[in-house]
Amino acid sequence: MRTVFLGTSSFAVAVLERLAGSEHRPVLVVTRPDRPRGRGRRVSPPPVAEAARELGIEVRQPGSVNDDDARAMVASVHPDVLCVCAFGALIKEPLLSEYPMLNVHPSLLPRWRGAAPIERAIMAGDERTGVSIMRMTAGLDSGPVCSGQSEPIGPEDTYGTLAPRLAALGGELLLRTLDTEPPCAEQDDSLATYAEKIAPEDRMLDPLRPAWELERVVRALSPHIGAGVELEDGTRLGVLKARALDGEGRPGRLLVLDGSRPVIQCAEGRLELLLVKPPGRREMGGQDWLRGLR
């Protein structure tokens, strides 16, 4: 099929690369405009733009894919289908109805519709997630599902280990769907859950919660967003790796266990901080940070 690919994030890059290596190689990639990134806030292209240029595929970055000029740009290459993955902007009518659109969504729909399905699945303690290929409609990830496959979430999985597996799976499922054109089934809206965008409060480790919940938060946000804990002096300590421990104590207190390990005393159990990032410094082991603090 003659395809156009819409995507933006690093997750979408793996899907694009798999599509580009197939007979469904995109004739055009549409992505978001360049924007400031990183600490220095230097204006940089999205990961998909860089990948597409390396693959030798034409790239366009309209301010809005829904504008008349952008729609005309897509129409000029006469696609059979638009493939969408982590595009990061709302696609509206009339573009939605002008072409078949297949969206690669990293969850087992209707569970975890929305912006942060991988993070929310880990936070919730789900034992499995997966990828769904759905036809896009005006609703939030509510279109008919054409294919899907599950993937286990291991007890040590972080976003950084799970997302690449799901991206690879998404690429394979997308090609299979393009090759076989399976029938698509409507979702059961009564089973839907929503993966809200990660907010600042989601990143903070609240010691009034159980330690095992906080460990999942750390795993879900590592390494791309990062969790953190507020210290007694009001500074925020980034937490990139942690481990839930048994035990009881006074919730909310950062203490030293056995003289060498930084531990948060939680409502249930304790959370050992294994890898941390102090403000303005490199990441380091929790014990090394504690030694420096002293």
Protein backbone atom coordinates (compact mmCIF):
# COMPACT_ATOMS: atom_id res chain seq x y z
CA MET A 1 0.00 0.00 0.00
CA ARG A 2 0.99 3.59 -0.55
CA THR A 3 1.38 5.05 2.94
CA VAL A 4 1.95 8.33 4.72
CA PHE A 5 3.33 8.14 8.28
CA LEU A 6 2.38 10.55 11.06
CA GLY A 7 4.51 10.37 14.20
CA THR A 8 6.72 12.42 16.47
CA SER A 9 8.28 10.69 19.48
CA SER A 10 11.14 8.24 19.94
CA PHE A 11 8.57 5.46 20.36
CA ALA A 12 7.29 6.17 16.83
CA VAL A 13 10.78 5.93 15.33
CA ALA A 14 10.97 2.14 15.65
CA VAL A 15 7.57 1.77 13.96
CA LEU A 16 8.63 4.10 11.14
CA GLU A 17 11.88 2.20 10.60
CA ARG A 18 10.03 -1.12 10.37
CA LEU A 19 7.49 0.35 7.95
CA ALA A 20 10.25 1.90 5.84
CA GLY A 21 11.90 -1.49 5.43
CA SER A 22 8.75 -3.05 3.99
CA GLU A 23 6.81 -2.85 0.75
CA HIS A 24 4.63 -0.27 2.53
CA ARG A 25 7.48 2.25 2.79
CA PRO A 26 6.01 5.72 3.40
CA VAL A 27 6.11 8.21 0.55
CA LEU A 28 5.86 11.03 3.08
CA VAL A 29 6.41 11.53 6.82
CA VAL A 30 4.43 14.21 8.64
CA THR A 31 5.63 15.24 12.09
CA ARG A 32 5.46 18.17 14.52
CA PRO A 33 7.46 21.40 14.17
CA ASP A 34 10.90 21.77 15.73
CA ARG A 35 10.80 22.98 19.33
CA PRO A 36 13.15 23.74 22.25
CA ARG A 37 14.42 20.61 23.98
CA GLY A 38 16.71 19.63 26.83
CA ARG A 39 18.43 21.72 29.45
CA GLY A 40 19.74 24.28 27.01
CA ARG A 41 16.30 24.62 25.35
CA ARG A 42 17.93 24.48 21.94
CA VAL A 43 15.44 24.22 19.08
CA SER A 44 15.66 20.68 17.69
CA PRO A 45 13.66 18.49 15.30
CA PRO A 46 11.46 15.69 16.65
CA PRO A 47 13.01 12.20 16.68
CA VAL A 48 10.78 11.08 13.79
CA ALA A 49 11.97 13.96 11.60
CA GLU A 50 15.60 12.99 12.15
CA ALA A 51 14.88 9.31 11.50
CA ALA A 52 12.91 10.00 8.32
CA ARG A 53 15.69 12.15 6.89
CA GLU A 54 18.22 9.41 7.61
CA LEU A 55 15.91 6.98 5.80
CA GLY A 56 15.68 9.30 2.80
CA ILE A 57 11.95 9.92 3.16
CA GLU A 58 10.43 13.33 2.52
CA VAL A 59 9.51 15.11 5.78
CA ARG A 60 6.97 17.85 6.33
CA GLN A 61 6.34 19.67 9.63
CA PRO A 62 3.15 21.73 9.36
CA GLY A 63 1.94 23.87 12.24
CA SER A 64 -1.29 21.84 12.12
CA VAL A 65 -1.92 18.72 10.09
CA ASN A 66 -5.57 19.77 9.90
CA ASP A 67 -4.92 22.99 7.96
CA ASP A 68 -5.97 23.16 4.32
CA ASP A 69 -2.34 23.45 3.16
CA ALA A 70 -1.34 20.37 5.16
CA ARG A 71 -4.26 18.37 3.84
CA ALA A 72 -3.38 19.39 0.30
CA MET A 73 0.21 18.30 0.94
CA VAL A 74 -0.97 14.83 1.99
CA ALA A 75 -3.39 14.61 -0.94
CA SER A 76 -0.59 15.42 -3.39
CA VAL A 77 1.11 12.05 -2.72
CA HIS A 78 -2.12 10.04 -3.16
CA PRO A 79 -1.86 7.71 -0.14
CA ASP A 80 -3.98 4.60 0.30
CA VAL A 81 -3.71 4.78 4.09
CA LEU A 82 -2.28 7.03 6.80
CA CYS A 83 -0.31 5.26 9.55
CA VAL A 84 -0.22 7.09 12.87
CA CYS A 85 1.94 6.45 15.93
CA ALA A 86 2.57 8.81 18.85
CA PHE A 87 1.85 11.87 16.74
CA GLY A 88 1.04 14.02 19.75
CA ALA A 89 -1.61 16.27 18.18
CA LEU A 90 -5.33 15.91 17.58
CA ILE A 91 -6.32 14.85 14.06
CA LYS A 92 -9.69 16.34 13.15
CA GLU A 93 -12.31 16.27 10.44
CA PRO A 94 -12.31 16.47 7.52
CA LEU A 95 -8.86 14.84 7.43
CA LEU A 96 -10.10 11.94 9.56
CA SER A 97 -12.60 10.93 6.90
CA GLU A 98 -10.47 11.60 3.83
CA TYR A 99 -8.30 8.45 4.22
CA PRO A 100 -8.27 5.20 6.17
CA MET A 101 -6.09 5.79 9.25
CA LEU A 102 -4.40 3.08 11.28
CA ASN A 103 -3.12 4.07 14.70
CA VAL A 104 -0.46 2.11 16.62
CA HIS A 105 -1.45 2.38 20.29
CA PRO A 106 0.69 0.77 23.04
CA SER A 107 -2.02 -0.82 25.16
CA LEU A 108 -4.66 -3.53 24.95
CA LEU A 109 -7.61 -1.32 24.08
CA PRO A 110 -10.02 -0.38 25.53
CA ARG A 111 -7.69 -0.42 28.56
CA TRP A 112 -5.48 2.67 28.80
CA ARG A 113 -6.80 4.96 26.13
CA GLY A 114 -4.96 8.26 26.15
CA ALA A 115 -1.57 9.92 26.38
CA ALA A 116 0.48 7.75 28.77
CA PRO A 117 -0.60 4.12 28.39
CA ILE A 118 2.79 2.54 29.09
CA GLU A 119 3.42 4.57 32.23
CA ARG A 120 -0.09 4.02 33.58
CA ALA A 121 0.04 0.27 33.00
CA ILE A 122 3.24 -0.02 35.05
CA MET A 123 1.90 2.29 37.77
CA ALA A 124 -1.27 0.23 38.07
CA GLY A 125 0.66 -3.01 38.52
CA ASP A 126 -0.73 -4.58 35.34
CA GLU A 127 0.86 -7.94 34.61
CA ARG A 128 0.33 -7.55 30.86
CA THR A 129 -0.05 -4.80 28.32
CA GLY A 130 0.38 -4.87 24.56
CA VAL A 131 -0.23 -3.06 21.29
CA SER A 132 -3.47 -2.42 19.43
CA ILE A 133 -3.86 -1.36 15.81
CA MET A 134 -7.06 0.65 15.54
CA ARG A 135 -8.87 2.68 12.94
CA MET A 136 -8.84 6.30 14.02
CA THR A 137 -12.11 8.07 14.78
CA ALA A 138 -13.00 11.36 16.43
CA GLY A 139 -13.03 9.77 19.91
CA LEU A 140 -10.01 9.34 22.17
CA ASP A 141 -8.48 6.01 21.06
CA SER A 142 -12.02 4.64 20.77
CA GLY A 143 -11.99 3.44 17.15
CA PRO A 144 -12.45 -0.17 16.03
CA VAL A 145 -9.51 -2.46 16.79
CA CYS A 146 -8.11 -4.35 13.80
CA SER A 147 -5.38 -6.37 15.54
CA GLY A 148 -3.59 -6.63 18.84
CA GLN A 149 -1.04 -8.62 20.77
CA SER A 150 -0.16 -8.76 24.44
CA GLU A 151 3.22 -8.35 26.11
CA PRO A 152 4.06 -9.25 29.72
CA ILE A 153 5.20 -6.59 32.16
CA GLY A 154 7.99 -8.03 34.29
CA PRO A 155 8.53 -7.07 37.94
CA GLU A 156 11.72 -5.22 36.98
CA ASP A 157 10.39 -3.57 33.82
CA THR A 158 10.72 0.19 33.50
CA TYR A 159 9.40 2.42 30.76
CA GLY A 160 12.90 2.22 29.31
CA THR A 161 12.79 -1.58 28.97
CA LEU A 162 9.11 -2.03 28.10
CA ALA A 163 8.61 0.74 25.52
CA PRO A 164 11.18 -0.61 23.00
CA ARG A 165 9.52 -4.05 23.09
CA LEU A 166 6.12 -2.50 22.46
CA ALA A 167 7.46 -0.32 19.65
CA ALA A 168 8.96 -3.35 17.92
CA LEU A 169 5.71 -5.25 18.39
CA GLY A 170 3.78 -2.27 17.04
CA GLY A 171 5.82 -2.22 13.85
CA GLU A 172 5.21 -5.90 13.22
CA LEU A 173 1.49 -5.62 13.95
CA LEU A 174 1.13 -2.62 11.66
CA LEU A 175 2.72 -4.49 8.75
CA ARG A 176 0.57 -7.54 9.42
CA THR A 177 -2.54 -5.37 9.41
CA LEU A 178 -1.55 -3.66 6.15
CA ASP A 179 -0.80 -7.03 4.55
CA THR A 180 -3.95 -8.88 5.61
CA GLU A 181 -6.52 -6.07 6.12
CA PRO A 182 -8.36 -7.94 8.91
CA PRO A 183 -11.87 -6.91 9.97
CA CYS A 184 -11.95 -4.39 12.81
CA ALA A 185 -14.11 -4.85 15.91
CA GLU A 186 -15.75 -2.08 17.91
CA GLN A 187 -14.42 -1.55 21.43
CA ASP A 188 -16.51 -2.13 24.53
CA ASP A 189 -16.63 1.37 25.99
CA SER A 190 -17.78 0.02 29.36
CA LEU A 191 -14.31 -1.54 29.82
CA ALA A 192 -12.37 1.61 28.96
CA THR A 193 -9.76 3.09 31.29
CA TYR A 194 -7.87 6.31 30.63
CA ALA A 195 -4.14 6.98 30.72
CA GLU A 196 -3.98 10.64 31.65
CA LYS A 197 -0.88 12.64 30.75
CA ILE A 198 1.77 12.52 33.47
CA ALA A 199 1.37 15.61 35.64
CA PRO A 200 3.92 17.10 38.08
CA GLU A 201 2.09 15.60 41.04
CA ASP A 202 2.36 12.13 39.48
CA ARG A 203 6.14 12.43 39.64
CA MET A 204 6.43 13.10 43.36
CA LEU A 205 6.86 10.12 45.69
CA ASP A 206 4.30 10.60 48.43
CA PRO A 207 5.41 8.72 51.58
CA LEU A 208 1.78 8.42 52.67
CA ARG A 209 1.40 5.77 49.93
CA PRO A 210 2.65 2.16 50.18
CA ALA A 211 6.26 1.56 49.20
CA TRP A 212 5.33 -0.96 46.51
CA GLU A 213 3.17 1.68 44.77
CA LEU A 214 6.03 4.17 44.82
CA GLU A 215 8.43 1.61 43.38
CA ARG A 216 6.06 1.21 40.42
CA VAL A 217 5.94 4.99 39.94
CA VAL A 218 9.74 5.10 39.75
CA ARG A 219 9.80 2.27 37.20
CA ALA A 220 7.04 3.85 35.11
CA LEU A 221 8.85 7.18 34.83
CA SER A 222 12.40 5.92 34.33
CA PRO A 223 14.39 7.13 32.51
CA HIS A 224 12.42 9.57 30.34
CA ILE A 225 10.49 11.65 32.90
CA GLY A 226 11.81 10.78 36.33
CA ALA A 227 10.22 10.56 39.76
CA GLY A 228 11.35 12.59 42.74
CA VAL A 229 11.07 13.08 46.47
CA GLU A 230 11.04 16.33 48.42
CA LEU A 231 13.72 16.43 51.08
CA GLU A 232 13.41 18.05 54.48
CA ASP A 233 15.17 21.22 53.25
CA GLY A 234 12.62 21.61 50.42
CA THR A 235 14.91 20.49 47.58
CA ARG A 236 13.79 17.82 45.11
CA LEU A 237 15.84 14.67 44.75
CA GLY A 238 15.33 12.82 41.48
CA VAL A 239 14.83 9.08 41.88
CA LEU A 240 15.63 6.82 38.92
CA LYS A 241 15.67 3.42 40.62
CA ALA A 242 14.17 2.24 43.90
CA ARG A 243 13.24 -0.94 45.74
CA ALA A 244 10.33 -1.59 48.08
CA LEU A 245 11.28 -3.16 51.43
CA ASP A 246 9.21 -4.61 54.21
CA GLY A 247 8.97 -2.83 57.51
CA GLU A 248 7.00 -0.36 59.56
CA GLY A 249 7.73 3.11 60.83
CA ARG A 250 6.69 6.73 60.79
CA PRO A 251 5.54 7.66 57.25
CA GLY A 252 7.20 10.56 55.51
CA ARG A 253 10.64 10.36 57.06
CA LEU A 254 13.82 10.03 55.00
CA LEU A 255 16.15 7.96 57.14
CA VAL A 256 19.33 5.95 57.03
CA LEU A 257 19.04 2.19 57.37
CA ASP A 258 22.06 0.31 58.71
CA GLY A 259 24.09 3.48 58.40
CA SER A 260 24.46 3.33 54.62
CA ARG A 261 21.18 3.30 52.64
CA PRO A 262 18.75 6.17 52.04
CA VAL A 263 15.22 4.94 52.70
CA ILE A 264 11.80 6.61 52.63
CA GLN A 265 9.53 5.41 55.42
CA CYS A 266 6.12 4.89 53.79
CA ALA A 267 2.58 4.20 54.94
CA GLU A 268 3.33 0.54 54.25
CA GLY A 269 6.94 -0.62 54.04
CA ARG A 270 10.02 1.37 53.10
CA LEU A 271 11.42 2.53 49.78
CA GLU A 272 15.16 2.25 49.28
CA LEU A 273 16.59 4.81 46.86
CA LEU A 274 19.04 2.92 44.64
CA LEU A 275 19.80 5.50 41.93
CA VAL A 276 19.23 9.23 42.43
CA LYS A 277 19.89 12.56 40.73
CA PRO A 278 20.52 15.52 43.04
CA PRO A 279 19.65 19.00 41.67
CA GLY A 280 22.25 20.18 39.16
CA ARG A 281 24.37 17.03 39.50
CA ARG A 282 24.84 13.75 37.68
CA GLU A 283 22.95 10.63 38.64
CA MET A 284 24.59 8.46 41.27
CA GLY A 285 23.95 5.54 43.56
CA GLY A 286 21.82 6.23 46.61
CA GLN A 287 24.61 5.26 48.99
CA ASP A 288 27.07 7.57 47.20
CA TRP A 289 24.62 10.45 47.48
CA LEU A 290 24.15 9.75 51.17
CA ARG A 291 27.91 9.76 51.80
CA GLY A 292 28.21 13.11 50.02
CA LEU A 293 25.29 14.51 52.00
CA ARG A 294 27.11 13.78 55.21
